[in-house]
Amino acid sequence: MYFYPYGPFEIPRDKSRISEDKDNKKKFWQDVEAMEAGLSAACGCYIFTLRNKAWYIGSTNRQGFLGECFTIHKLYTYNKALSEYTSPGIPRLILIAKITETSRFSKASDGHRDIKYLEKMLIAHGLKRNPDLRNIKDTKILREMTLPGVINTPQGEASGKPVQFLKLVLGVR
């Protein structure tokens, strides 16, 4: 299982909202295809970013990025993140495509358990950097779980010898 990130791709806006204009979306996907032919039809994970932080992490199995990244629900989520900041920066999308053994993009289907697993891992990393990550599904346990030195470390609990050894063993900084 091999995945590779592409982008970031700047998402077109109409003032302070993600553009819903069909021509803007068409141009966006043309730019994606110009960078890497076939990428818009590939499956994998994607990350909506703003100010160098992940704000939403998703995956696509049954359809390619083109059919998944700008659905109504995703636009609502992206626009909500944009609306809550007075200087939002540039919204971007990172596409993380699954690559086959023959160096081609994996096609959409129902049989990609590895993509779902990768999505959960990316969400965990995204939450660590941005507690305001917009994902709801599969995040409750990650938001509530505590393991000093590894996840949601309470203040003052990262310095004990067992915690430091655990961090060393796991390669956690």
Foldseek 3Di string as FASTA:
>chain_A
DDKDKDDFQFFDDDVQAGDPDPVSLVVSVVVVCVVPNPQQFFWAKKFKDWPPAGQEIDTAAQTGNSVPCDDPVNRVSNSVQSVVDPCTHTITMMRIFDADPVRHTDGHDDPCPVRVVVSLVVVLVRCVVPVNRSDDPNCPCQVPDDDALPGPHDPPRCDDPVNVVVCVVVVGD
